[in-house]
Amino acid sequence: MLQKGITDMVRISNGRMSGTAYGSVVLHVSPEAAAGGPLAFVQTGDTIELDVDARRLHLEVSDEELARRRAAWQPPPLPTRGYYKLYVEHVLQADQGADLDFLVGSSGAPVPRDSH
């Protein structure tokens, strides 16, 4: 993309990112696409409105089209064992702290929303 002269763009992800980045980056979008969150329904050519001040993302497709995409969506296959299975079954979404669900409330230390 740099070879095409694109040096600034918005990236939106439900994951983490490390390294050098150009432009705005929106991370930890939840619920995650793998859990059926809105990012699972984004298609090439869609417009996404980003309002940083209002902390808002909006996929600019009609309610009918979004419902059609949601109905056609298939979740990824679930793992059968290992740490990935533990992660899928027990790690909360980012807006809930991305903690293990069985540890919530056991440390006594609150994690404020804007601390991470």
N, C-alpha and C. Protein backbone atom coordinates (compact mmCIF):
# COMPACT_ATOMS: atom_id res chain seq x y z
N MET A 1 0.82 -1.19 0.00
CA MET A 1 0.00 0.00 0.00
C MET A 1 0.87 1.26 0.00
N LEU A 2 2.01 1.18 0.71
CA LEU A 2 2.89 2.33 0.70
C LEU A 2 3.38 2.62 -0.72
N GLN A 3 3.60 1.57 -1.50
CA GLN A 3 4.04 1.74 -2.88
C GLN A 3 2.98 2.45 -3.72
N LYS A 4 1.73 2.35 -3.32
CA LYS A 4 0.64 3.03 -4.02
C LYS A 4 0.40 4.43 -3.48
N GLY A 5 1.20 4.84 -2.49
CA GLY A 5 1.08 6.19 -1.94
C GLY A 5 0.12 6.32 -0.78
N ILE A 6 -0.41 5.20 -0.30
CA ILE A 6 -1.35 5.24 0.82
C ILE A 6 -0.53 5.21 2.11
N THR A 7 -0.53 6.32 2.84
CA THR A 7 0.25 6.42 4.06
C THR A 7 -0.61 6.66 5.29
N ASP A 8 -1.89 6.81 5.11
CA ASP A 8 -2.77 7.07 6.24
C ASP A 8 -4.11 6.38 6.00
N MET A 9 -4.51 5.55 6.93
CA MET A 9 -5.80 4.90 6.84
C MET A 9 -6.22 4.48 8.23
N VAL A 10 -7.50 4.22 8.39
CA VAL A 10 -8.04 3.75 9.66
C VAL A 10 -8.05 2.23 9.62
N ARG A 11 -7.57 1.61 10.69
CA ARG A 11 -7.69 0.17 10.85
C ARG A 11 -8.59 -0.11 12.02
N ILE A 12 -9.50 -1.07 11.86
CA ILE A 12 -10.44 -1.44 12.90
C ILE A 12 -10.29 -2.94 13.12
N SER A 13 -10.11 -3.34 14.38
CA SER A 13 -9.87 -4.75 14.66
C SER A 13 -10.46 -5.13 16.01
N ASN A 14 -10.78 -6.41 16.14
CA ASN A 14 -11.21 -6.91 17.44
C ASN A 14 -10.03 -7.59 18.14
N GLY A 15 -8.83 -7.34 17.64
CA GLY A 15 -7.64 -7.94 18.22
C GLY A 15 -6.67 -6.90 18.74
N ARG A 16 -5.45 -7.32 18.90
CA ARG A 16 -4.37 -6.45 19.35
C ARG A 16 -3.45 -6.18 18.18
N MET A 17 -2.60 -5.18 18.32
CA MET A 17 -1.69 -4.82 17.25
C MET A 17 -0.39 -4.34 17.87
N SER A 18 0.71 -4.73 17.27
CA SER A 18 1.99 -4.23 17.73
C SER A 18 2.78 -3.75 16.53
N GLY A 19 3.78 -2.95 16.78
CA GLY A 19 4.62 -2.47 15.70
C GLY A 19 4.22 -1.08 15.25
N THR A 20 4.85 -0.64 14.19
CA THR A 20 4.63 0.69 13.64
C THR A 20 3.29 0.73 12.92
N ALA A 21 2.58 1.83 13.08
CA ALA A 21 1.29 1.98 12.42
C ALA A 21 1.16 3.40 11.89
N TYR A 22 0.52 3.52 10.77
CA TYR A 22 0.19 4.83 10.21
C TYR A 22 -1.30 5.04 10.39
N GLY A 23 -1.71 6.24 10.75
CA GLY A 23 -3.12 6.55 10.83
C GLY A 23 -3.76 6.11 12.13
N SER A 24 -5.07 6.20 12.14
CA SER A 24 -5.85 5.84 13.32
C SER A 24 -6.05 4.34 13.40
N VAL A 25 -6.02 3.82 14.63
CA VAL A 25 -6.21 2.40 14.86
C VAL A 25 -7.25 2.24 15.95
N VAL A 26 -8.29 1.47 15.68
CA VAL A 26 -9.33 1.18 16.67
C VAL A 26 -9.21 -0.31 16.98
N LEU A 27 -8.87 -0.63 18.23
CA LEU A 27 -8.67 -2.02 18.61
C LEU A 27 -9.65 -2.44 19.70
N HIS A 28 -9.67 -3.72 19.96
CA HIS A 28 -10.50 -4.31 21.02
C HIS A 28 -11.99 -4.08 20.79
N VAL A 29 -12.41 -4.05 19.53
CA VAL A 29 -13.84 -3.91 19.22
C VAL A 29 -14.54 -5.16 19.73
N SER A 30 -15.63 -4.98 20.42
CA SER A 30 -16.35 -6.15 20.93
C SER A 30 -17.85 -5.96 20.78
N PRO A 31 -18.59 -7.07 20.69
CA PRO A 31 -18.06 -8.43 20.72
C PRO A 31 -17.24 -8.75 19.48
N GLU A 32 -16.32 -9.71 19.64
CA GLU A 32 -15.43 -10.11 18.56
C GLU A 32 -16.21 -10.71 17.40
N ALA A 33 -15.62 -10.65 16.23
CA ALA A 33 -16.24 -11.23 15.04
C ALA A 33 -16.51 -12.72 15.24
N ALA A 34 -15.59 -13.43 15.85
CA ALA A 34 -15.74 -14.87 16.05
C ALA A 34 -16.92 -15.20 16.97
N ALA A 35 -17.34 -14.21 17.77
CA ALA A 35 -18.49 -14.41 18.66
C ALA A 35 -19.78 -13.87 18.03
N GLY A 36 -19.70 -13.47 16.77
CA GLY A 36 -20.88 -12.94 16.09
C GLY A 36 -21.02 -11.44 16.21
N GLY A 37 -19.93 -10.76 16.55
CA GLY A 37 -19.97 -9.31 16.64
C GLY A 37 -20.07 -8.67 15.27
N PRO A 38 -20.35 -7.38 15.22
CA PRO A 38 -20.59 -6.69 13.95
C PRO A 38 -19.46 -6.81 12.92
N LEU A 39 -18.21 -6.94 13.37
CA LEU A 39 -17.11 -7.06 12.40
C LEU A 39 -17.24 -8.31 11.54
N ALA A 40 -17.96 -9.31 12.03
CA ALA A 40 -18.16 -10.54 11.26
C ALA A 40 -18.99 -10.28 10.00
N PHE A 41 -19.74 -9.20 9.97
CA PHE A 41 -20.66 -8.94 8.87
C PHE A 41 -20.16 -7.90 7.88
N VAL A 42 -18.97 -7.35 8.12
CA VAL A 42 -18.41 -6.35 7.21
C VAL A 42 -17.94 -7.03 5.94
N GLN A 43 -18.25 -6.42 4.80
CA GLN A 43 -17.82 -6.94 3.51
C GLN A 43 -17.03 -5.88 2.76
N THR A 44 -16.21 -6.34 1.83
CA THR A 44 -15.42 -5.43 1.00
C THR A 44 -16.34 -4.40 0.35
N GLY A 45 -15.95 -3.15 0.45
CA GLY A 45 -16.72 -2.06 -0.13
C GLY A 45 -17.68 -1.38 0.83
N ASP A 46 -17.90 -1.96 2.01
CA ASP A 46 -18.76 -1.33 3.01
C ASP A 46 -18.13 -0.06 3.53
N THR A 47 -18.98 0.88 3.93
CA THR A 47 -18.52 2.10 4.58
C THR A 47 -18.77 1.96 6.07
N ILE A 48 -17.75 2.34 6.85
CA ILE A 48 -17.87 2.34 8.30
C ILE A 48 -17.63 3.75 8.79
N GLU A 49 -18.57 4.28 9.54
CA GLU A 49 -18.42 5.62 10.11
C GLU A 49 -17.73 5.49 11.47
N LEU A 50 -16.69 6.29 11.66
CA LEU A 50 -15.95 6.32 12.91
C LEU A 50 -16.06 7.71 13.51
N ASP A 51 -16.62 7.79 14.72
CA ASP A 51 -16.72 9.05 15.46
C ASP A 51 -15.93 8.85 16.76
N VAL A 52 -14.69 9.28 16.75
CA VAL A 52 -13.80 9.06 17.89
C VAL A 52 -14.32 9.75 19.14
N ASP A 53 -14.74 11.02 19.00
CA ASP A 53 -15.22 11.76 20.17
C ASP A 53 -16.41 11.08 20.84
N ALA A 54 -17.30 10.51 20.05
CA ALA A 54 -18.48 9.84 20.60
C ALA A 54 -18.22 8.37 20.92
N ARG A 55 -16.99 7.88 20.62
CA ARG A 55 -16.64 6.47 20.83
C ARG A 55 -17.64 5.56 20.13
N ARG A 56 -17.84 5.82 18.83
CA ARG A 56 -18.89 5.13 18.08
C ARG A 56 -18.37 4.66 16.72
N LEU A 57 -18.72 3.42 16.38
CA LEU A 57 -18.50 2.86 15.05
C LEU A 57 -19.87 2.49 14.50
N HIS A 58 -20.09 2.75 13.22
CA HIS A 58 -21.37 2.38 12.62
C HIS A 58 -21.14 1.82 11.23
N LEU A 59 -21.60 0.60 11.00
CA LEU A 59 -21.53 -0.03 9.70
C LEU A 59 -22.69 0.50 8.86
N GLU A 60 -22.36 1.19 7.77
CA GLU A 60 -23.37 1.87 6.95
C GLU A 60 -24.03 0.90 5.95
N VAL A 61 -24.77 -0.06 6.49
CA VAL A 61 -25.60 -0.92 5.66
C VAL A 61 -27.00 -0.92 6.28
N SER A 62 -27.98 -1.22 5.46
CA SER A 62 -29.37 -1.19 5.95
C SER A 62 -29.60 -2.28 7.00
N ASP A 63 -30.61 -2.08 7.82
CA ASP A 63 -30.98 -3.09 8.81
C ASP A 63 -31.32 -4.41 8.14
N GLU A 64 -31.96 -4.33 6.98
CA GLU A 64 -32.35 -5.55 6.25
C GLU A 64 -31.10 -6.30 5.76
N GLU A 65 -30.13 -5.56 5.22
CA GLU A 65 -28.90 -6.20 4.74
C GLU A 65 -28.12 -6.79 5.91
N LEU A 66 -28.06 -6.08 7.02
CA LEU A 66 -27.37 -6.59 8.20
C LEU A 66 -28.04 -7.87 8.70
N ALA A 67 -29.36 -7.89 8.70
CA ALA A 67 -30.10 -9.09 9.12
C ALA A 67 -29.82 -10.25 8.17
N ARG A 68 -29.73 -9.97 6.88
CA ARG A 68 -29.43 -11.02 5.90
C ARG A 68 -28.04 -11.60 6.14
N ARG A 69 -27.07 -10.72 6.37
CA ARG A 69 -25.71 -11.18 6.62
C ARG A 69 -25.64 -11.98 7.92
N ARG A 70 -26.33 -11.50 8.94
CA ARG A 70 -26.32 -12.20 10.24
C ARG A 70 -26.92 -13.59 10.10
N ALA A 71 -28.00 -13.72 9.34
CA ALA A 71 -28.65 -15.02 9.15
C ALA A 71 -27.76 -15.98 8.37
N ALA A 72 -26.95 -15.47 7.47
CA ALA A 72 -26.07 -16.32 6.66
C ALA A 72 -24.75 -16.65 7.35
N TRP A 73 -24.45 -15.97 8.43
CA TRP A 73 -23.17 -16.13 9.12
C TRP A 73 -23.04 -17.50 9.78
N GLN A 74 -21.88 -18.07 9.66
CA GLN A 74 -21.57 -19.33 10.34
C GLN A 74 -20.41 -19.09 11.30
N PRO A 75 -20.57 -19.44 12.57
CA PRO A 75 -19.46 -19.24 13.51
C PRO A 75 -18.31 -20.18 13.16
N PRO A 76 -17.10 -19.79 13.53
CA PRO A 76 -15.96 -20.67 13.28
C PRO A 76 -16.10 -21.94 14.12
N PRO A 77 -15.49 -23.03 13.68
CA PRO A 77 -15.57 -24.26 14.47
C PRO A 77 -14.92 -24.07 15.84
N LEU A 78 -15.51 -24.65 16.85
CA LEU A 78 -14.98 -24.52 18.21
C LEU A 78 -13.84 -25.50 18.42
N PRO A 79 -12.83 -25.07 19.16
CA PRO A 79 -11.73 -25.99 19.46
C PRO A 79 -12.20 -27.08 20.42
N THR A 80 -11.55 -28.21 20.39
CA THR A 80 -11.97 -29.33 21.24
C THR A 80 -11.13 -29.47 22.49
N ARG A 81 -9.95 -28.84 22.52
CA ARG A 81 -9.12 -28.96 23.72
C ARG A 81 -8.01 -27.90 23.69
N GLY A 82 -7.25 -27.84 24.76
CA GLY A 82 -6.08 -26.96 24.84
C GLY A 82 -6.40 -25.55 25.28
N TYR A 83 -5.36 -24.71 25.21
CA TYR A 83 -5.50 -23.33 25.65
C TYR A 83 -6.48 -22.53 24.80
N TYR A 84 -6.54 -22.86 23.52
CA TYR A 84 -7.49 -22.16 22.65
C TYR A 84 -8.92 -22.42 23.10
N LYS A 85 -9.23 -23.67 23.48
CA LYS A 85 -10.57 -24.01 23.99
C LYS A 85 -10.85 -23.23 25.28
N LEU A 86 -9.84 -23.19 26.17
CA LEU A 86 -9.98 -22.44 27.43
C LEU A 86 -10.27 -20.97 27.13
N TYR A 87 -9.53 -20.41 26.17
CA TYR A 87 -9.73 -19.01 25.79
C TYR A 87 -11.15 -18.78 25.28
N VAL A 88 -11.58 -19.58 24.33
CA VAL A 88 -12.90 -19.40 23.72
C VAL A 88 -14.01 -19.53 24.76
N GLU A 89 -13.86 -20.48 25.65
CA GLU A 89 -14.93 -20.73 26.62
C GLU A 89 -14.92 -19.80 27.83
N HIS A 90 -13.77 -19.21 28.16
CA HIS A 90 -13.69 -18.49 29.43
C HIS A 90 -13.18 -17.06 29.40
N VAL A 91 -12.59 -16.60 28.31
CA VAL A 91 -12.11 -15.22 28.28
C VAL A 91 -13.26 -14.30 27.86
N LEU A 92 -13.53 -13.30 28.67
CA LEU A 92 -14.62 -12.37 28.41
C LEU A 92 -14.26 -11.42 27.26
N GLN A 93 -15.26 -10.82 26.67
CA GLN A 93 -15.05 -9.85 25.61
C GLN A 93 -14.32 -8.62 26.17
N ALA A 94 -13.70 -7.84 25.28
CA ALA A 94 -12.89 -6.70 25.71
C ALA A 94 -13.66 -5.70 26.56
N ASP A 95 -14.93 -5.46 26.22
CA ASP A 95 -15.70 -4.48 26.99
C ASP A 95 -16.02 -4.97 28.40
N GLN A 96 -15.76 -6.25 28.65
CA GLN A 96 -15.96 -6.82 29.98
C GLN A 96 -14.63 -7.08 30.69
N GLY A 97 -13.54 -6.60 30.11
CA GLY A 97 -12.23 -6.70 30.75
C GLY A 97 -11.30 -7.75 30.19
N ALA A 98 -11.77 -8.60 29.26
CA ALA A 98 -10.95 -9.66 28.66
C ALA A 98 -10.29 -10.53 29.72
N ASP A 99 -10.95 -10.70 30.84
CA ASP A 99 -10.45 -11.53 31.94
C ASP A 99 -11.05 -12.92 31.82
N LEU A 100 -10.49 -13.85 32.56
CA LEU A 100 -11.09 -15.18 32.65
C LEU A 100 -12.37 -15.07 33.48
N ASP A 101 -13.46 -15.59 32.97
CA ASP A 101 -14.74 -15.43 33.66
C ASP A 101 -14.74 -16.01 35.06
N PHE A 102 -13.97 -17.07 35.30
CA PHE A 102 -13.97 -17.67 36.63
C PHE A 102 -13.09 -16.93 37.63
N LEU A 103 -12.39 -15.87 37.17
CA LEU A 103 -11.59 -15.05 38.09
C LEU A 103 -12.24 -13.71 38.41
N VAL A 104 -13.31 -13.37 37.71
CA VAL A 104 -13.96 -12.08 37.91
C VAL A 104 -14.42 -11.95 39.36
N GLY A 105 -14.04 -10.83 39.96
CA GLY A 105 -14.46 -10.54 41.34
C GLY A 105 -13.60 -11.17 42.40
N SER A 106 -12.58 -11.93 42.01
CA SER A 106 -11.79 -12.61 43.03
C SER A 106 -10.54 -11.85 43.47
N SER A 107 -10.13 -10.82 42.72
CA SER A 107 -8.90 -10.12 43.09
C SER A 107 -9.15 -8.91 43.98
N GLY A 108 -10.33 -8.37 43.93
CA GLY A 108 -10.64 -7.21 44.74
C GLY A 108 -10.11 -5.92 44.17
N ALA A 109 -9.47 -5.96 43.00
CA ALA A 109 -8.91 -4.76 42.40
C ALA A 109 -9.74 -4.35 41.19
N PRO A 110 -10.42 -3.21 41.27
CA PRO A 110 -11.22 -2.79 40.13
C PRO A 110 -10.34 -2.37 38.95
N VAL A 111 -10.84 -2.58 37.76
CA VAL A 111 -10.12 -2.16 36.55
C VAL A 111 -11.01 -1.14 35.84
N PRO A 112 -10.70 0.15 36.00
CA PRO A 112 -11.53 1.19 35.38
C PRO A 112 -11.50 1.09 33.86
N ARG A 113 -12.59 1.47 33.22
CA ARG A 113 -12.75 1.37 31.77
C ARG A 113 -11.60 2.02 31.00
N ASP A 114 -11.16 3.20 31.42
CA ASP A 114 -10.16 3.93 30.64
C ASP A 114 -8.73 3.65 31.10
N SER A 115 -8.50 2.56 31.80
CA SER A 115 -7.15 2.27 32.28
C SER A 115 -6.34 1.44 31.29
N HIS A 116 -6.97 1.02 30.19
CA HIS A 116 -6.25 0.18 29.23
C HIS A 116 -6.62 0.52 27.81
